[in-house]
Amino acid sequence: METSPKLLDVVALTQDLPRAQLVRGQVGTIVEELGPETFEVEFCDNDGRTYATAAVRED
């Protein structure tokens, strides 16, 4: 049973996002739903400081 991602879910990238300088496997938190199957994901360091945000599709 697969569920759709929702606000504050922790997700991992399944592909590189070169424009955001992010690579597959990096983990972030969904902070906003931008549209159907599209989310704003925030990526933070170990101290909780945001180093990147990116619009990410569910697929």
N, C-alpha and C. Protein backbone atom coordinates (compact mmCIF):
# COMPACT_ATOMS: atom_id res chain seq x y z
N MET A 1 0.84 -1.18 0.00
CA MET A 1 0.00 0.00 0.00
C MET A 1 0.89 1.24 0.00
N GLU A 2 0.76 2.06 -1.02
CA GLU A 2 1.57 3.27 -1.16
C GLU A 2 0.70 4.49 -0.92
N THR A 3 1.20 5.42 -0.13
CA THR A 3 0.45 6.64 0.14
C THR A 3 1.17 7.83 -0.49
N SER A 4 0.42 8.88 -0.76
CA SER A 4 1.01 10.09 -1.32
C SER A 4 1.77 10.86 -0.25
N PRO A 5 2.85 11.53 -0.64
CA PRO A 5 3.58 12.35 0.32
C PRO A 5 2.69 13.48 0.84
N LYS A 6 3.00 13.93 2.06
CA LYS A 6 2.23 15.03 2.64
C LYS A 6 3.16 15.98 3.37
N LEU A 7 2.65 17.11 3.78
CA LEU A 7 3.41 18.14 4.47
C LEU A 7 4.19 17.55 5.63
N LEU A 8 5.45 17.92 5.74
CA LEU A 8 6.40 17.52 6.79
C LEU A 8 6.92 16.09 6.67
N ASP A 9 6.56 15.38 5.60
CA ASP A 9 7.17 14.07 5.35
C ASP A 9 8.65 14.26 5.00
N VAL A 10 9.47 13.33 5.44
CA VAL A 10 10.88 13.30 5.08
C VAL A 10 11.01 12.44 3.83
N VAL A 11 11.67 12.98 2.81
CA VAL A 11 11.78 12.29 1.53
C VAL A 11 13.24 12.30 1.06
N ALA A 12 13.58 11.35 0.19
CA ALA A 12 14.92 11.29 -0.41
C ALA A 12 14.79 11.47 -1.92
N LEU A 13 15.73 12.17 -2.50
CA LEU A 13 15.72 12.36 -3.95
C LEU A 13 16.03 11.05 -4.66
N THR A 14 15.31 10.79 -5.74
CA THR A 14 15.55 9.59 -6.54
C THR A 14 16.37 9.89 -7.79
N GLN A 15 16.64 11.18 -8.00
CA GLN A 15 17.48 11.59 -9.13
C GLN A 15 18.20 12.89 -8.79
N ASP A 16 19.29 13.16 -9.49
CA ASP A 16 20.04 14.39 -9.28
C ASP A 16 19.21 15.60 -9.72
N LEU A 17 19.40 16.72 -9.03
CA LEU A 17 18.82 18.00 -9.42
C LEU A 17 19.97 18.99 -9.59
N PRO A 18 20.65 18.95 -10.75
CA PRO A 18 21.86 19.75 -10.94
C PRO A 18 21.66 21.25 -10.75
N ARG A 19 20.51 21.78 -11.18
CA ARG A 19 20.28 23.22 -11.05
C ARG A 19 20.24 23.65 -9.59
N ALA A 20 19.83 22.75 -8.70
CA ALA A 20 19.79 23.04 -7.26
C ALA A 20 21.04 22.52 -6.55
N GLN A 21 21.95 21.93 -7.31
CA GLN A 21 23.18 21.32 -6.77
C GLN A 21 22.86 20.25 -5.71
N LEU A 22 21.84 19.45 -6.01
CA LEU A 22 21.44 18.35 -5.13
C LEU A 22 21.62 17.04 -5.88
N VAL A 23 21.96 15.98 -5.14
CA VAL A 23 22.19 14.69 -5.77
C VAL A 23 21.25 13.63 -5.20
N ARG A 24 21.06 12.60 -6.00
CA ARG A 24 20.20 11.48 -5.60
C ARG A 24 20.60 10.99 -4.22
N GLY A 25 19.59 10.73 -3.38
CA GLY A 25 19.84 10.22 -2.04
C GLY A 25 19.79 11.28 -0.96
N GLN A 26 19.94 12.56 -1.34
CA GLN A 26 19.85 13.60 -0.32
C GLN A 26 18.45 13.63 0.26
N VAL A 27 18.37 13.90 1.56
CA VAL A 27 17.11 13.83 2.30
C VAL A 27 16.65 15.23 2.66
N GLY A 28 15.35 15.47 2.48
CA GLY A 28 14.77 16.76 2.83
C GLY A 28 13.37 16.58 3.38
N THR A 29 12.75 17.70 3.73
CA THR A 29 11.40 17.70 4.31
C THR A 29 10.46 18.48 3.41
N ILE A 30 9.28 17.92 3.15
CA ILE A 30 8.26 18.62 2.38
C ILE A 30 7.73 19.77 3.23
N VAL A 31 7.83 21.00 2.68
CA VAL A 31 7.38 22.17 3.43
C VAL A 31 6.18 22.86 2.78
N GLU A 32 5.85 22.47 1.54
CA GLU A 32 4.70 23.08 0.87
C GLU A 32 4.28 22.21 -0.30
N GLU A 33 2.97 22.17 -0.55
CA GLU A 33 2.45 21.51 -1.74
C GLU A 33 2.24 22.58 -2.80
N LEU A 34 2.95 22.46 -3.92
CA LEU A 34 2.88 23.48 -4.97
C LEU A 34 1.81 23.19 -6.01
N GLY A 35 1.42 21.95 -6.11
CA GLY A 35 0.43 21.54 -7.10
C GLY A 35 0.32 20.04 -7.07
N PRO A 36 -0.47 19.49 -7.99
CA PRO A 36 -0.60 18.03 -8.02
C PRO A 36 0.77 17.37 -8.21
N GLU A 37 1.14 16.54 -7.25
CA GLU A 37 2.38 15.76 -7.30
C GLU A 37 3.65 16.61 -7.33
N THR A 38 3.56 17.88 -6.92
CA THR A 38 4.73 18.76 -6.88
C THR A 38 4.83 19.40 -5.51
N PHE A 39 6.03 19.32 -4.92
CA PHE A 39 6.22 19.77 -3.55
C PHE A 39 7.48 20.62 -3.44
N GLU A 40 7.47 21.57 -2.51
CA GLU A 40 8.67 22.30 -2.15
C GLU A 40 9.34 21.51 -1.03
N VAL A 41 10.60 21.15 -1.25
CA VAL A 41 11.34 20.34 -0.28
C VAL A 41 12.52 21.18 0.23
N GLU A 42 12.68 21.18 1.54
CA GLU A 42 13.76 21.92 2.20
C GLU A 42 14.84 20.94 2.63
N PHE A 43 16.08 21.29 2.34
CA PHE A 43 17.23 20.46 2.69
C PHE A 43 18.05 21.20 3.73
N CYS A 44 18.32 20.54 4.86
CA CYS A 44 19.02 21.18 5.99
C CYS A 44 20.28 20.40 6.36
N ASP A 45 21.23 21.12 6.97
CA ASP A 45 22.43 20.46 7.46
C ASP A 45 22.18 19.86 8.84
N ASN A 46 23.19 19.28 9.45
CA ASN A 46 23.04 18.62 10.75
C ASN A 46 22.70 19.58 11.88
N ASP A 47 22.92 20.88 11.66
CA ASP A 47 22.58 21.89 12.66
C ASP A 47 21.20 22.50 12.43
N GLY A 48 20.49 21.99 11.42
CA GLY A 48 19.14 22.47 11.14
C GLY A 48 19.09 23.71 10.25
N ARG A 49 20.22 24.11 9.70
CA ARG A 49 20.25 25.28 8.81
C ARG A 49 19.93 24.84 7.38
N THR A 50 19.00 25.55 6.77
CA THR A 50 18.62 25.25 5.39
C THR A 50 19.76 25.62 4.44
N TYR A 51 20.13 24.67 3.57
CA TYR A 51 21.14 24.96 2.56
C TYR A 51 20.57 24.92 1.14
N ALA A 52 19.33 24.42 0.99
CA ALA A 52 18.71 24.40 -0.33
C ALA A 52 17.22 24.14 -0.20
N THR A 53 16.47 24.67 -1.16
CA THR A 53 15.07 24.30 -1.33
C THR A 53 14.88 24.03 -2.82
N ALA A 54 13.95 23.14 -3.12
CA ALA A 54 13.72 22.80 -4.52
C ALA A 54 12.29 22.32 -4.71
N ALA A 55 11.73 22.65 -5.87
CA ALA A 55 10.44 22.10 -6.26
C ALA A 55 10.71 20.70 -6.81
N VAL A 56 10.03 19.71 -6.25
CA VAL A 56 10.28 18.31 -6.59
C VAL A 56 8.97 17.62 -6.95
N ARG A 57 8.99 16.89 -8.05
CA ARG A 57 7.81 16.10 -8.44
C ARG A 57 7.82 14.77 -7.70
N GLU A 58 6.63 14.25 -7.45
CA GLU A 58 6.48 13.00 -6.69
C GLU A 58 7.18 11.82 -7.36
N ASP A 59 7.18 11.78 -8.68
CA ASP A 59 7.78 10.64 -9.37
C ASP A 59 9.27 10.70 -9.26
